[in-house]
């Protein structure tokens, strides 16, 4: 099912490529902008997702990311997928800390070339999940919190952070769905996330990624 997307990217070639990919997948481009100032003025009515570069004019620093964070302040829970040319863990942490409810993603631009992964990331973020590029995960990972988990549980949580469902985790690790469900349950228990905790899966991922 297609969604309405605002695209913020100052590279004309990349923006055109993204538009083609998204439209071929059945999504609608609600607006395209090439600087963070314009992104901040976007009418968010009927917008399902914002896809933005981190570095954009006018400052060519983290303007795109800051504009996206401002939009999430204006509309809490707004799904945002940030694209970056670099593995910048600090940027990812700022995005992940913007909303405890999820609906955020941080991908390296090179990942866009893997169209299926890119489109799956969009679906996950729009659905309220969290997706972080594997290279960024590797840089952010290692913490006292994660020390509570077994190596297998760390593998499961890492795949969860990449946007995989339980069945996809099972396929990747060549184990049963029941085994993955047990690992996920153990992860929640060890991270002090009881059943009544809202968005346990997202919170576990955020705890995993916020360390480093």
Protein backbone atom coordinates (compact mmCIF):
# COMPACT_ATOMS: atom_id res chain seq x y z
CA UNK A 1 0.00 0.00 0.00
CA UNK A 2 1.46 3.35 -1.05
CA UNK A 3 2.16 6.22 1.34
CA UNK A 4 2.57 9.98 0.87
CA UNK A 5 6.20 11.02 1.26
CA UNK A 6 8.01 14.33 1.61
CA UNK A 7 11.52 14.07 0.18
CA UNK A 8 14.29 16.46 1.27
CA UNK A 9 17.53 16.05 -0.70
CA UNK A 10 19.81 18.73 -2.18
CA UNK A 11 21.47 16.41 -4.72
CA UNK A 12 19.33 16.66 -7.85
CA UNK A 13 20.49 13.31 -9.22
CA UNK A 14 19.87 11.43 -5.97
CA UNK A 15 16.51 13.13 -5.49
CA UNK A 16 15.41 12.12 -8.98
CA UNK A 17 16.57 8.56 -8.37
CA UNK A 18 14.71 8.36 -5.08
CA UNK A 19 11.53 9.69 -6.67
CA UNK A 20 11.69 7.02 -9.37
CA UNK A 21 12.27 4.24 -6.84
CA UNK A 22 9.47 5.40 -4.57
CA UNK A 23 6.92 5.99 -7.33
CA UNK A 24 7.64 2.62 -8.94
CA UNK A 25 6.96 1.04 -5.55
CA UNK A 26 3.51 2.67 -5.52
CA UNK A 27 4.29 5.57 -3.18
CA UNK A 28 3.25 9.18 -3.78
CA UNK A 29 5.69 12.09 -3.51
CA UNK A 30 3.75 14.81 -1.69
CA UNK A 31 6.60 17.32 -2.00
CA UNK A 32 10.32 17.58 -2.72
CA UNK A 33 12.58 20.23 -1.18
CA UNK A 34 16.28 20.92 -1.46
CA UNK A 35 17.02 22.77 1.77
CA UNK A 36 16.17 22.52 5.46
CA UNK A 37 14.38 25.88 5.56
CA UNK A 38 11.84 24.67 3.03
CA UNK A 39 11.50 21.35 4.87
CA UNK A 40 10.50 23.16 8.05
CA UNK A 41 7.63 24.91 6.25
CA UNK A 42 6.11 21.74 4.79
CA UNK A 43 2.40 21.22 5.38
CA UNK A 44 2.28 17.88 7.19
CA UNK A 45 -1.39 17.28 6.47
CA UNK A 46 -1.80 13.81 4.95
CA UNK A 47 1.98 13.21 5.00
CA UNK A 48 2.89 9.66 6.02
CA UNK A 49 6.69 9.90 5.97
CA UNK A 50 9.57 12.36 5.68
CA UNK A 51 12.74 11.14 3.98
CA UNK A 52 15.61 13.58 4.45
CA UNK A 53 19.35 13.91 4.05
CA UNK A 54 21.31 14.81 7.20
CA UNK A 55 23.52 17.45 5.57
CA UNK A 56 21.61 20.12 3.67
CA UNK A 57 21.65 23.83 2.89
CA UNK A 58 21.56 26.48 4.13
CA UNK A 59 24.29 25.55 6.62
CA UNK A 60 25.43 22.29 5.02
CA UNK A 61 25.81 20.84 8.51
CA UNK A 62 23.18 18.69 10.18
CA UNK A 63 20.42 21.03 8.93
CA UNK A 64 18.29 18.25 7.48
CA UNK A 65 18.36 16.23 10.68
CA UNK A 66 17.52 19.25 12.83
CA UNK A 67 14.64 20.15 10.55
CA UNK A 68 13.29 16.60 10.83
CA UNK A 69 13.53 16.76 14.62
CA UNK A 70 11.65 20.06 14.57
CA UNK A 71 8.91 18.45 12.48
CA UNK A 72 8.63 15.60 15.00
CA UNK A 73 8.22 18.20 17.73
CA UNK A 74 5.45 19.80 15.69
CA UNK A 75 3.83 16.45 14.98
CA UNK A 76 4.91 13.84 17.55
CA UNK A 77 5.36 10.39 16.08
CA UNK A 78 5.83 11.65 12.52
CA UNK A 79 7.67 8.85 10.69
CA UNK A 80 11.11 10.06 9.59
CA UNK A 81 13.77 8.21 7.59
CA UNK A 82 17.14 9.97 7.57
CA UNK A 83 19.78 9.27 4.93
CA UNK A 84 23.46 9.95 5.55
CA UNK A 85 26.64 9.65 3.55
CA UNK A 86 28.65 8.90 6.68
CA UNK A 87 28.50 6.56 9.68
CA UNK A 88 27.64 9.24 12.23
CA UNK A 89 26.48 7.56 15.43
CA UNK A 90 25.87 10.90 17.12
CA UNK A 91 23.30 11.84 14.47
CA UNK A 92 21.56 8.49 14.85
CA UNK A 93 21.37 8.90 18.63
CA UNK A 94 19.77 12.33 18.29
CA UNK A 95 17.14 10.94 15.96
CA UNK A 96 16.43 7.88 18.10
CA UNK A 97 16.11 10.02 21.22
CA UNK A 98 13.52 12.29 19.58
CA UNK A 99 10.56 10.00 20.28
CA UNK A 100 10.29 6.97 22.52
CA UNK A 101 7.53 5.67 20.26
CA UNK A 102 9.77 4.87 17.30
CA UNK A 103 8.82 5.53 13.67
CA UNK A 104 12.39 6.54 12.82
CA UNK A 105 15.10 5.22 10.55
CA UNK A 106 18.74 6.05 9.84
CA UNK A 107 20.33 4.59 6.71
CA UNK A 108 23.54 5.19 4.82
CA UNK A 109 22.90 6.47 1.30
CA UNK A 110 24.67 3.46 -0.16
CA UNK A 111 21.84 1.34 1.25
CA UNK A 112 19.39 3.04 -1.15
CA UNK A 113 21.02 1.05 -3.96
CA UNK A 114 19.68 -2.08 -2.31
CA UNK A 115 16.16 -1.19 -3.31
CA UNK A 116 14.37 -4.02 -1.49
CA UNK A 117 16.12 -3.14 1.80
CA UNK A 118 15.33 0.54 1.31
CA UNK A 119 11.65 -0.08 0.61
CA UNK A 120 11.37 -2.47 3.55
CA UNK A 121 12.90 0.21 5.78
CA UNK A 122 10.21 2.63 4.65
CA UNK A 123 7.47 0.12 5.49
CA UNK A 124 8.95 -0.51 8.93
CA UNK A 125 9.29 3.19 9.81
CA UNK A 126 5.79 4.07 8.59
CA UNK A 127 4.45 1.20 10.71
CA UNK A 128 6.05 2.76 13.80
CA UNK A 129 9.20 0.67 13.90
CA UNK A 130 12.89 1.55 14.07
CA UNK A 131 15.47 0.83 11.37
CA UNK A 132 19.18 1.62 11.68
CA UNK A 133 21.88 0.86 9.14
CA UNK A 134 23.99 -2.18 10.11
CA UNK A 135 27.22 -0.16 9.89
CA UNK A 136 25.82 2.43 12.28
CA UNK A 137 24.67 -0.32 14.62
CA UNK A 138 28.20 -1.74 14.66
CA UNK A 139 29.62 1.65 15.62
CA UNK A 140 27.04 2.34 18.33
CA UNK A 141 26.97 -1.14 19.80
CA UNK A 142 28.69 -2.40 23.03
CA UNK A 143 27.32 -1.49 26.42
CA UNK A 144 26.66 -2.59 29.95
CA UNK A 145 23.00 -3.08 29.03
CA UNK A 146 23.85 -5.47 26.23
CA UNK A 147 26.28 -7.33 28.47
CA UNK A 148 23.18 -8.83 30.08
CA UNK A 149 22.35 -10.67 26.86
CA UNK A 150 23.79 -13.87 25.44
CA UNK A 151 25.59 -13.71 22.07
CA UNK A 152 22.54 -15.25 20.37
CA UNK A 153 20.21 -12.72 22.00
CA UNK A 154 22.51 -9.94 20.77
CA UNK A 155 22.24 -11.34 17.25
CA UNK A 156 18.45 -11.38 17.52
CA UNK A 157 18.32 -7.82 18.84
CA UNK A 158 20.71 -6.62 16.14
CA UNK A 159 18.43 -8.06 13.46
CA UNK A 160 15.41 -6.50 15.16
CA UNK A 161 17.20 -3.14 15.01
CA UNK A 162 17.60 -3.62 11.27
CA UNK A 163 13.82 -3.84 10.96
CA UNK A 164 13.44 -7.61 10.72
CA UNK A 165 10.27 -9.31 11.96
CA UNK A 166 10.50 -12.44 14.12
CA UNK A 167 10.00 -14.68 11.10
CA UNK A 168 12.73 -12.84 9.18
CA UNK A 169 15.06 -13.18 12.17
CA UNK A 170 14.32 -16.91 12.26
CA UNK A 171 15.14 -17.23 8.56
CA UNK A 172 18.37 -15.26 8.92
CA UNK A 173 19.57 -17.33 11.86
CA UNK A 174 18.16 -20.62 10.51
CA UNK A 175 16.15 -21.32 13.65
CA UNK A 176 12.44 -21.81 14.35
CA UNK A 177 9.97 -19.00 14.95
CA UNK A 178 9.42 -20.43 18.42
CA UNK A 179 13.13 -20.16 19.20
CA UNK A 180 13.17 -16.51 18.13
CA UNK A 181 10.05 -15.79 20.19
CA UNK A 182 11.81 -17.26 23.23
CA UNK A 183 14.93 -15.17 22.60
CA UNK A 184 12.82 -12.02 22.23
CA UNK A 185 11.01 -12.79 25.49
CA UNK A 186 14.35 -13.26 27.25
CA UNK A 187 15.59 -9.97 25.83
CA UNK A 188 12.57 -8.12 27.18
CA UNK A 189 13.03 -9.73 30.60
CA UNK A 190 16.75 -8.93 30.80
CA UNK A 191 16.19 -5.34 29.69
CA UNK A 192 13.48 -4.86 32.35
CA UNK A 193 10.67 -4.46 29.85
CA UNK A 194 7.61 -6.24 31.33
CA UNK A 195 4.55 -7.11 29.20
CA UNK A 196 2.69 -3.96 30.23
CA UNK A 197 5.47 -1.76 28.80
CA UNK A 198 4.29 0.17 25.75
CA UNK A 199 6.19 -0.54 22.51
CA UNK A 200 8.54 -3.05 24.12
CA UNK A 201 10.17 -3.99 20.84
CA UNK A 202 10.97 -0.38 19.96
CA UNK A 203 12.23 0.38 23.46
CA UNK A 204 14.53 -2.65 23.42
CA UNK A 205 15.98 -1.49 20.10
CA UNK A 206 16.47 2.05 21.42
CA UNK A 207 18.23 0.75 24.53
CA UNK A 208 20.48 -1.30 22.27
CA UNK A 209 21.33 1.61 20.00
CA UNK A 210 21.64 4.35 22.61
CA UNK A 211 24.71 2.75 24.13
CA UNK A 212 28.21 3.06 22.87
